[in-house]
Amino acid sequence: MLETVRNAFKIKEIRNRIIYTLLMLVVVRIGSQLPIPGLNGEFFSQWFSENAGNSFGFFDAVTGGSFENMSVFALNITPYITSSIIIQLLTIAIPKLEELQKDGEEGRKKLTAITRYLTIGLAIMESLAMSIAFGRQGLMNEFNAMNVIMTVITLTAGSAAIMWIGERITERGVGNGISIVLTINIISRLPSDLTILFEQFVKGKEIATAVLNAAIIIAIIILVVILVVTLQGAERRIPVQYSRKVMGRKQVGGQTSHIPLKVNTAGVIPIIFAQSLLMFPVIITNLLGKTGGTGFWGKLLKMFSQSNWFDFNEPINNIGLVIYIVLVIAFAYFYTSITFNPLEIANNMKKQGGFIPGIRPGKPTSDYLTSVLNYIIFIGAVGLVIVAIIPIFFEGVFNANLSFGGTSLIIIVGVIIETLKQIESQMLVRNYKGFLND
């Protein structure tokens, strides 16, 4: 590993890209610590600690703690991620956007511009709602129009700056910039989470108990990482045979290839969608100040809060867990259906003289791909649910309150693998041994 790192730094272009990426990430982390003027930071930290377990823990994890600090990067990349998902979904419903998606480089640039504008719009809406809701609860030194406007401008500018940094990393650094920013935010929270685990289950315990607890924690973390790596790399390969064609005196074609169908076809998107839907009523409940009691709002808050799942004293709260599992599986099928078109692939194969052995070209091929896809989507969705629920189970049973979980690990592993593959491909061009071949 160290040898391949040295080899990467021997190439000037790759070295400059890695250094540029690291410098941009330093800027992100600095901005995550800069407080917003006019905000009562201590009051907000106390408010967050009281509500983090309900709905804001994962949100704080993906913002790298900047939300808890209520820094200039408090919104971070969440408006950009949301707008990207919205645009991707709208390409199915709006023919004009679908045409842009198929229009090559020019269409991609226009979709990128639309995503940027939508990001700014979402950032303004989110920052305005947060400013008014938090201001009414006393989280501002003075709740007035000037402070609200200043907070909205600061949060929106911070979100725009993060978007710009992500795009610059993609252009001049290594990997996908937005994904790398998201990953470094999550990684930045890991030390504090591990410290919480240490203080809760190891520190102050008897030696035998402390060693046993530490071994269990390490084993669980390793198990989850192995599951994530396996889930991310698993794929079903559909063999494809191409017919021989006679061109002049030569025969061309006759090659054998395959269609790789990833088991986790939708990635982490189904979990993000499901968590967003479950978080929405909880966030509204918190912002309205209806966080306690035994009435409707109190029961709703408990049911949709992950920290209350696997609570055997109140099994009714597990209704939220069942809804969560159903949403993850449903969104896995939905997102795959809008990003993978079996009929289009079957038609392209037919035009190129390709066919799946034993399957007729055209619609039979499309039906076959659909049946295989439906099967592996279910397996991938179940895998996602298992990875996501393991940390939630230990949080509910053992009160191991963490800001990261299976979702965060899927993001970290996926981004690291893709980034290393990109660096490896650049190194292989220059006959260097890559990261993934060690």
Protein backbone atom coordinates (compact mmCIF):
# COMPACT_ATOMS: atom_id res chain seq x y z
CA MET A 1 0.00 0.00 0.00
CA LEU A 2 2.78 2.44 0.95
CA GLU A 3 4.63 1.54 -2.23
CA THR A 4 1.62 2.33 -4.41
CA VAL A 5 1.16 5.65 -2.57
CA ARG A 6 4.76 6.53 -3.35
CA ASN A 7 4.21 5.50 -6.98
CA ALA A 8 1.18 7.76 -7.20
CA PHE A 9 3.15 10.73 -5.87
CA LYS A 10 5.90 10.08 -8.42
CA ILE A 11 3.50 11.14 -11.16
CA LYS A 12 3.34 14.91 -11.17
CA GLU A 13 -0.22 15.17 -12.54
CA ILE A 14 -1.68 12.70 -10.01
CA ARG A 15 0.36 14.23 -7.19
CA ASN A 16 -0.97 17.71 -7.98
CA ARG A 17 -4.54 16.39 -8.16
CA ILE A 18 -4.27 14.63 -4.78
CA ILE A 19 -2.71 17.70 -3.12
CA TYR A 20 -5.40 19.95 -4.62
CA THR A 21 -8.12 17.63 -3.30
CA LEU A 22 -6.58 17.59 0.19
CA LEU A 23 -6.33 21.40 0.28
CA MET A 24 -9.98 21.76 -0.74
CA LEU A 25 -11.00 19.34 2.00
CA VAL A 26 -9.05 21.40 4.54
CA VAL A 27 -11.10 24.43 3.45
CA VAL A 28 -14.30 22.40 3.96
CA ARG A 29 -13.30 21.40 7.49
CA ILE A 30 -12.30 24.97 8.41
CA GLY A 31 -15.62 26.30 7.14
CA SER A 32 -17.42 23.66 9.21
CA GLN A 33 -16.04 25.27 12.38
CA LEU A 34 -16.79 28.94 11.59
CA PRO A 35 -19.90 30.05 13.56
CA ILE A 36 -22.71 32.12 12.09
CA PRO A 37 -22.78 35.66 13.54
CA GLY A 38 -25.73 36.50 15.77
CA LEU A 39 -26.49 32.91 16.77
CA ASN A 40 -26.45 31.61 20.33
CA GLY A 41 -24.04 28.70 19.85
CA GLU A 42 -24.29 27.29 23.37
CA PHE A 43 -28.08 27.31 23.29
CA PHE A 44 -28.10 25.56 19.92
CA SER A 45 -25.63 22.89 21.09
CA GLN A 46 -27.91 22.17 24.06
CA TRP A 47 -30.96 22.04 21.80
CA PHE A 48 -29.18 19.72 19.38
CA SER A 49 -28.05 17.34 22.14
CA GLU A 50 -31.69 17.02 23.23
CA ASN A 51 -32.97 16.30 19.73
CA ALA A 52 -30.04 14.58 17.96
CA GLY A 53 -31.27 11.10 18.80
CA ASN A 54 -34.67 11.89 17.32
CA SER A 55 -33.89 12.98 13.80
CA PHE A 56 -30.81 15.09 13.31
CA GLY A 57 -27.98 12.63 14.02
CA PHE A 58 -27.55 11.40 10.45
CA PHE A 59 -28.01 14.93 9.09
CA ASP A 60 -25.20 16.13 11.36
CA ALA A 61 -23.03 13.19 10.26
CA VAL A 62 -23.31 14.02 6.54
CA THR A 63 -22.54 17.67 7.29
CA GLY A 64 -19.45 16.73 9.29
CA GLY A 65 -20.67 18.29 12.54
CA SER A 66 -21.20 21.68 10.91
CA PHE A 67 -24.93 21.48 11.64
CA GLU A 68 -24.31 20.90 15.35
CA ASN A 69 -21.83 23.79 15.33
CA MET A 70 -24.31 25.84 13.25
CA SER A 71 -21.37 26.99 11.13
CA VAL A 72 -21.41 28.75 7.76
CA PHE A 73 -21.42 25.26 6.17
CA ALA A 74 -24.35 24.03 8.30
CA LEU A 75 -26.41 23.06 5.24
CA ASN A 76 -23.29 21.66 3.56
CA ILE A 77 -24.00 19.53 0.46
CA THR A 78 -27.50 18.42 1.44
CA PRO A 79 -29.27 20.95 -0.85
CA TYR A 80 -27.08 19.83 -3.76
CA ILE A 81 -27.76 16.13 -3.13
CA THR A 82 -31.49 16.81 -2.84
CA SER A 83 -31.59 18.88 -6.03
CA SER A 84 -29.57 16.25 -7.93
CA ILE A 85 -32.04 13.55 -6.90
CA ILE A 86 -35.00 15.77 -7.83
CA ILE A 87 -33.57 16.51 -11.29
CA GLN A 88 -32.83 12.83 -11.84
CA LEU A 89 -36.42 11.92 -10.97
CA LEU A 90 -37.86 14.73 -13.08
CA THR A 91 -36.03 13.48 -16.18
CA ILE A 92 -38.54 10.63 -16.18
CA ALA A 93 -41.59 12.88 -15.89
CA ILE A 94 -40.50 15.82 -18.07
CA PRO A 95 -39.64 14.95 -21.71
CA LYS A 96 -37.56 18.12 -22.14
CA LEU A 97 -35.21 17.10 -19.31
CA GLU A 98 -35.04 13.58 -20.72
CA GLU A 99 -33.93 15.02 -24.05
CA LEU A 100 -31.22 17.05 -22.32
CA GLN A 101 -30.01 13.91 -20.56
CA LYS A 102 -29.59 12.15 -23.91
CA ASP A 103 -28.10 15.23 -25.63
CA GLY A 104 -24.47 14.48 -24.80
CA GLU A 105 -22.08 16.98 -23.28
CA GLU A 106 -24.20 20.07 -24.04
CA GLY A 107 -27.27 18.53 -22.43
CA ARG A 108 -25.24 17.53 -19.38
CA LYS A 109 -24.01 21.10 -18.95
CA LYS A 110 -27.57 22.45 -19.07
CA LEU A 111 -28.76 19.88 -16.51
CA THR A 112 -25.81 20.83 -14.28
CA ALA A 113 -26.79 24.50 -14.51
CA ILE A 114 -30.41 23.67 -13.63
CA THR A 115 -29.18 21.61 -10.65
CA ARG A 116 -27.10 24.57 -9.44
CA TYR A 117 -30.05 26.97 -9.57
CA LEU A 118 -32.26 24.45 -7.80
CA THR A 119 -29.57 23.98 -5.14
CA ILE A 120 -29.51 27.71 -4.41
CA GLY A 121 -33.31 27.79 -4.27
CA LEU A 122 -33.47 24.86 -1.85
CA ALA A 123 -30.71 26.38 0.29
CA ILE A 124 -32.67 29.64 0.58
CA MET A 125 -35.87 27.81 1.52
CA GLU A 126 -34.15 25.55 4.08
CA SER A 127 -32.12 28.35 5.67
CA LEU A 128 -35.20 30.61 5.89
CA ALA A 129 -37.26 27.86 7.56
CA MET A 130 -34.43 27.07 9.97
CA SER A 131 -33.82 30.73 10.81
CA ILE A 132 -37.46 31.45 11.63
CA ALA A 133 -38.04 28.17 13.53
CA PHE A 134 -34.82 28.42 15.54
CA GLY A 135 -35.24 32.13 16.12
CA ARG A 136 -38.68 31.60 17.67
CA GLN A 137 -37.15 29.07 20.07
CA GLY A 138 -34.50 31.52 21.25
CA LEU A 139 -31.51 30.20 19.35
CA MET A 140 -30.65 33.69 18.10
CA ASN A 141 -29.20 36.40 20.31
CA GLU A 142 -31.88 38.70 18.91
CA PHE A 143 -34.73 37.39 16.78
CA ASN A 144 -35.19 40.16 14.23
CA ALA A 145 -35.31 40.59 10.47
CA MET A 146 -31.64 41.57 10.21
CA ASN A 147 -30.41 38.41 11.96
CA VAL A 148 -32.75 36.22 9.92
CA ILE A 149 -31.55 37.76 6.65
CA MET A 150 -27.90 37.47 7.69
CA THR A 151 -28.38 33.80 8.65
CA VAL A 152 -30.15 33.01 5.37
CA ILE A 153 -27.42 34.70 3.32
CA THR A 154 -24.65 32.98 5.29
CA LEU A 155 -26.15 29.49 5.06
CA THR A 156 -26.98 29.88 1.36
CA ALA A 157 -23.50 31.21 0.56
CA GLY A 158 -21.96 28.32 2.51
CA SER A 159 -23.99 25.77 0.56
CA ALA A 160 -23.01 27.43 -2.74
CA ALA A 161 -19.34 27.42 -1.69
CA ILE A 162 -19.49 23.69 -0.87
CA MET A 163 -21.08 23.03 -4.28
CA TRP A 164 -18.30 25.03 -5.99
CA ILE A 165 -15.60 23.17 -4.04
CA GLY A 166 -17.11 19.82 -4.98
CA GLU A 167 -17.18 20.71 -8.67
CA ARG A 168 -13.58 21.97 -8.55
CA ILE A 169 -12.42 18.70 -6.94
CA THR A 170 -14.15 16.76 -9.73
CA GLU A 171 -12.48 18.96 -12.36
CA ARG A 172 -8.98 19.41 -10.91
CA GLY A 173 -8.73 16.78 -8.15
CA VAL A 174 -9.40 13.05 -7.89
CA GLY A 175 -12.76 11.33 -7.75
CA ASN A 176 -16.23 12.81 -7.60
CA GLY A 177 -15.95 16.03 -5.59
CA ILE A 178 -19.40 16.00 -3.98
CA SER A 179 -19.00 12.37 -2.94
CA ILE A 180 -15.56 13.04 -1.48
CA VAL A 181 -16.84 16.04 0.52
CA LEU A 182 -19.67 13.87 1.83
CA THR A 183 -17.21 11.11 2.76
CA ILE A 184 -14.76 13.39 4.58
CA ASN A 185 -17.69 14.87 6.54
CA ILE A 186 -18.75 11.42 7.72
CA ILE A 187 -15.17 10.34 8.49
CA SER A 188 -14.65 13.48 10.58
CA ARG A 189 -17.36 12.26 12.97
CA LEU A 190 -15.91 8.77 13.45
CA PRO A 191 -13.35 9.69 16.18
CA SER A 192 -16.02 11.27 18.39
CA ASP A 193 -18.36 8.31 17.86
CA LEU A 194 -15.62 5.81 18.73
CA THR A 195 -14.83 7.90 21.81
CA ILE A 196 -18.48 7.69 22.86
CA LEU A 197 -18.39 3.90 22.47
CA PHE A 198 -15.16 3.69 24.47
CA GLU A 199 -16.48 5.81 27.32
CA GLN A 200 -19.83 3.98 27.39
CA PHE A 201 -18.70 0.36 27.17
CA VAL A 202 -14.97 0.19 27.99
CA LYS A 203 -13.84 3.03 30.25
CA GLY A 204 -14.28 2.37 33.95
CA LYS A 205 -15.30 -1.29 33.47
CA GLU A 206 -13.56 -4.31 34.94
CA ILE A 207 -10.67 -5.54 32.81
CA ALA A 208 -12.44 -8.71 31.63
CA THR A 209 -15.66 -6.81 30.81
CA ALA A 210 -13.77 -3.98 29.09
CA VAL A 211 -11.79 -6.41 26.90
CA LEU A 212 -14.92 -8.36 26.00
CA ASN A 213 -16.87 -5.18 25.13
CA ALA A 214 -13.98 -3.83 23.05
CA ALA A 215 -13.68 -7.14 21.17
CA ILE A 216 -17.43 -7.18 20.46
CA ILE A 217 -17.38 -3.58 19.19
CA ILE A 218 -14.40 -4.25 16.90
CA ALA A 219 -15.98 -7.47 15.62
CA ILE A 220 -19.26 -5.71 14.82
CA ILE A 221 -17.49 -2.89 12.99
CA ILE A 222 -15.42 -5.37 10.96
CA LEU A 223 -18.54 -7.42 10.18
CA VAL A 224 -20.45 -4.39 8.94
CA VAL A 225 -17.49 -3.26 6.79
CA ILE A 226 -17.19 -6.76 5.26
CA LEU A 227 -20.93 -6.80 4.52
CA VAL A 228 -20.72 -3.36 2.90
CA VAL A 229 -17.70 -4.28 0.75
CA THR A 230 -19.40 -7.53 -0.34
CA LEU A 231 -22.66 -5.72 -1.10
CA GLN A 232 -20.93 -3.01 -3.11
CA GLY A 233 -18.85 -5.44 -5.17
CA ALA A 234 -21.42 -8.19 -5.80
CA GLU A 235 -22.82 -8.41 -9.32
CA ARG A 236 -24.62 -10.82 -11.63
CA ARG A 237 -22.97 -11.14 -15.03
CA ILE A 238 -25.29 -11.89 -17.94
CA PRO A 239 -23.32 -13.50 -20.84
CA VAL A 240 -23.73 -11.87 -24.26
CA GLN A 241 -22.67 -13.43 -27.56
CA TYR A 242 -22.18 -11.33 -30.71
CA SER A 243 -22.85 -12.83 -34.16
CA ARG A 244 -20.08 -13.14 -36.73
CA LYS A 245 -20.32 -10.81 -39.71
CA VAL A 246 -18.46 -11.01 -43.02
CA MET A 247 -16.94 -7.69 -44.08
CA GLY A 248 -14.99 -8.12 -47.30
CA ARG A 249 -12.66 -11.06 -46.79
CA LYS A 250 -12.69 -10.81 -43.02
CA GLN A 251 -15.05 -12.07 -40.37
CA VAL A 252 -15.75 -9.71 -37.52
CA GLY A 253 -17.72 -10.17 -34.33
CA GLY A 254 -18.22 -13.47 -32.62
CA GLN A 255 -16.98 -12.02 -29.36
CA THR A 256 -18.31 -12.95 -25.96
CA SER A 257 -19.05 -10.26 -23.40
CA HIS A 258 -21.32 -9.78 -20.43
CA ILE A 259 -23.77 -7.32 -18.88
CA PRO A 260 -22.79 -6.60 -15.26
CA LEU A 261 -25.87 -6.19 -13.06
CA LYS A 262 -24.86 -4.94 -9.64
CA VAL A 263 -26.69 -6.53 -6.73
CA ASN A 264 -26.88 -3.15 -5.03
CA THR A 265 -28.08 -1.43 -8.18
CA ALA A 266 -29.44 1.69 -6.45
CA GLY A 267 -26.49 2.21 -4.09
CA VAL A 268 -27.33 4.11 -0.93
CA ILE A 269 -30.15 6.14 -2.53
CA PRO A 270 -33.03 3.96 -1.17
CA ILE A 271 -31.82 4.46 2.41
CA ILE A 272 -31.44 8.21 1.92
CA PHE A 273 -34.94 8.42 0.44
CA ALA A 274 -36.44 6.33 3.25
CA GLN A 275 -34.68 8.29 5.98
CA SER A 276 -35.71 11.58 4.41
CA LEU A 277 -39.38 10.57 4.42
CA LEU A 278 -39.23 9.35 8.01
CA MET A 279 -37.29 12.42 9.15
CA PHE A 280 -39.75 14.86 7.60
CA PRO A 281 -42.58 14.48 10.18
CA VAL A 282 -40.03 14.28 13.01
CA ILE A 283 -38.30 17.49 11.94
CA ILE A 284 -41.64 19.27 11.59
CA THR A 285 -42.58 18.06 15.08
CA ASN A 286 -39.31 19.34 16.54
CA LEU A 287 -39.49 22.71 14.80
CA LEU A 288 -43.07 23.20 16.02
CA GLY A 289 -41.85 22.51 19.54
CA LYS A 290 -44.22 19.57 19.99
CA THR A 291 -41.52 17.19 21.22
CA GLY A 292 -43.09 15.63 24.31
CA GLY A 293 -46.28 14.34 25.78
CA THR A 294 -48.37 11.28 25.17
CA GLY A 295 -50.57 12.82 22.49
CA PHE A 296 -50.48 12.34 18.75
CA TRP A 297 -47.29 14.36 18.17
CA GLY A 298 -45.43 12.64 21.00
CA LYS A 299 -46.35 9.15 19.73
CA LEU A 300 -45.46 10.13 16.17
CA LEU A 301 -42.07 11.43 17.31
CA LYS A 302 -41.26 8.19 19.14
CA MET A 303 -42.48 5.96 16.32
CA PHE A 304 -40.39 7.63 13.61
CA SER A 305 -37.26 8.10 15.74
CA GLN A 306 -34.64 5.40 15.14
CA SER A 307 -33.42 5.62 18.74
CA ASN A 308 -36.78 4.18 19.88
CA TRP A 309 -36.74 1.17 17.57
CA PHE A 310 -35.96 -2.24 19.11
CA ASP A 311 -37.35 -0.92 22.38
CA PHE A 312 -39.08 -4.02 23.73
CA ASN A 313 -40.81 -2.00 26.43
CA GLU A 314 -42.76 -0.08 23.75
CA PRO A 315 -43.08 -2.45 20.77
CA ILE A 316 -45.54 -0.11 19.03
CA ASN A 317 -42.58 2.11 18.13
CA ASN A 318 -41.32 -0.68 15.87
CA ILE A 319 -44.07 0.26 13.40
CA GLY A 320 -41.62 2.93 12.28
CA LEU A 321 -39.00 0.22 11.71
CA VAL A 322 -41.41 -1.81 9.55
CA ILE A 323 -42.26 1.31 7.52
CA TYR A 324 -38.55 2.01 7.12
CA ILE A 325 -37.83 -1.51 5.78
CA VAL A 326 -40.75 -1.34 3.33
CA LEU A 327 -39.62 2.09 2.10
CA VAL A 328 -36.03 0.92 1.52
CA ILE A 329 -37.17 -2.07 -0.57
CA ALA A 330 -39.74 0.01 -2.48
CA PHE A 331 -37.26 2.76 -3.30
CA ALA A 332 -34.66 0.17 -4.39
CA TYR A 333 -37.10 -1.04 -7.07
CA PHE A 334 -38.25 2.47 -7.94
CA TYR A 335 -34.79 4.02 -8.33
CA THR A 336 -33.48 1.07 -10.36
CA SER A 337 -36.49 1.28 -12.66
CA ILE A 338 -35.67 4.88 -13.58
CA THR A 339 -31.92 4.36 -14.03
CA PHE A 340 -31.87 0.97 -15.78
CA ASN A 341 -33.97 0.33 -18.89
CA PRO A 342 -33.95 -3.37 -19.92
CA LEU A 343 -35.87 -2.68 -23.15
CA GLU A 344 -33.33 -0.08 -24.30
CA ILE A 345 -30.44 -2.44 -23.54
CA ALA A 346 -32.17 -5.29 -25.38
CA ASN A 347 -32.75 -3.09 -28.45
CA ASN A 348 -29.14 -1.89 -28.46
CA MET A 349 -27.92 -5.48 -28.25
CA LYS A 350 -30.16 -6.46 -31.16
CA LYS A 351 -28.82 -3.61 -33.31
CA GLN A 352 -25.25 -4.67 -32.60
CA GLY A 353 -25.95 -8.33 -33.33
CA GLY A 354 -25.71 -9.40 -29.71
CA PHE A 355 -27.86 -11.92 -27.89
CA ILE A 356 -28.03 -13.78 -24.61
CA PRO A 357 -27.46 -17.52 -25.21
CA GLY A 358 -30.79 -19.34 -25.07
CA ILE A 359 -32.83 -16.09 -25.15
CA ARG A 360 -34.34 -14.61 -28.32
CA PRO A 361 -33.38 -10.99 -29.14
CA GLY A 362 -35.83 -8.14 -28.57
CA LYS A 363 -38.66 -8.33 -26.05
CA PRO A 364 -37.78 -11.83 -24.74
CA THR A 365 -34.34 -10.47 -23.85
CA SER A 366 -35.94 -7.46 -22.14
CA ASP A 367 -38.28 -9.73 -20.16
CA TYR A 368 -35.37 -11.95 -19.14
CA LEU A 369 -33.29 -8.98 -17.95
CA THR A 370 -36.30 -7.65 -16.02
CA SER A 371 -36.87 -10.97 -14.24
CA VAL A 372 -33.18 -11.27 -13.29
CA LEU A 373 -33.09 -7.63 -12.21
CA ASN A 374 -36.16 -7.99 -9.99
CA TYR A 375 -34.52 -10.94 -8.25
CA ILE A 376 -31.17 -9.28 -7.55
CA ILE A 377 -32.82 -5.96 -6.57
CA PHE A 378 -34.60 -7.77 -3.75
CA ILE A 379 -31.34 -9.38 -2.61
CA GLY A 380 -29.57 -5.99 -2.72
CA ALA A 381 -32.41 -4.27 -0.86
CA VAL A 382 -32.37 -6.92 1.88
CA GLY A 383 -28.60 -6.47 2.14
CA LEU A 384 -29.08 -2.72 2.48
CA VAL A 385 -31.66 -3.23 5.21
CA ILE A 386 -29.35 -5.57 7.15
CA VAL A 387 -26.41 -3.18 6.95
CA ALA A 388 -28.57 -0.21 7.95
CA ILE A 389 -30.34 -1.98 10.81
CA ILE A 390 -27.30 -3.47 12.59
CA PRO A 391 -26.23 -0.11 14.13
CA ILE A 392 -29.88 0.78 14.84
CA PHE A 393 -30.33 -2.53 16.67
CA PHE A 394 -27.39 -1.85 18.97
CA GLU A 395 -28.57 1.71 19.50
CA GLY A 396 -32.02 0.50 20.55
CA VAL A 397 -30.92 -2.45 22.68
CA PHE A 398 -27.66 -1.15 24.19
CA ASN A 399 -28.26 2.63 23.85
CA ALA A 400 -25.11 2.98 21.71
CA ASN A 401 -25.94 6.42 20.33
CA LEU A 402 -23.92 7.04 17.16
CA SER A 403 -24.15 9.65 14.42
CA PHE A 404 -22.96 7.18 11.78
CA GLY A 405 -24.33 3.81 10.81
CA GLY A 406 -24.60 1.36 7.94
CA THR A 407 -25.59 4.14 5.55
CA SER A 408 -22.45 6.10 6.33
CA LEU A 409 -20.25 3.02 5.89
CA ILE A 410 -21.84 2.28 2.49
CA ILE A 411 -21.05 5.83 1.39
CA ILE A 412 -17.48 5.69 2.71
CA VAL A 413 -16.66 2.30 1.17
CA GLY A 414 -18.30 3.11 -2.15
CA VAL A 415 -16.56 6.47 -2.57
CA ILE A 416 -13.15 5.13 -1.50
CA ILE A 417 -13.36 2.21 -3.94
CA GLU A 418 -14.42 4.46 -6.84
CA THR A 419 -11.71 7.02 -6.06
CA LEU A 420 -9.01 4.35 -5.86
CA LYS A 421 -10.21 2.90 -9.16
CA GLN A 422 -9.88 6.32 -10.78
CA ILE A 423 -6.36 6.79 -9.43
CA GLU A 424 -5.50 3.23 -10.46
CA SER A 425 -6.68 3.80 -14.03
CA GLN A 426 -4.47 6.89 -14.31
CA MET A 427 -1.50 4.98 -12.89
CA LEU A 428 -1.98 1.97 -15.18
CA VAL A 429 -1.70 4.26 -18.17
CA ARG A 430 1.84 4.96 -17.00
CA ASN A 431 2.58 1.29 -16.20
CA TYR A 432 2.34 1.68 -12.44
CA LYS A 433 0.85 -0.89 -10.14
CA GLY A 434 -2.55 0.23 -8.89
CA PHE A 435 -4.06 0.40 -5.44
CA LEU A 436 -6.53 -2.38 -6.05
CA ASN A 437 -3.95 -4.86 -7.31
CA ASP A 438 -1.81 -4.96 -4.17
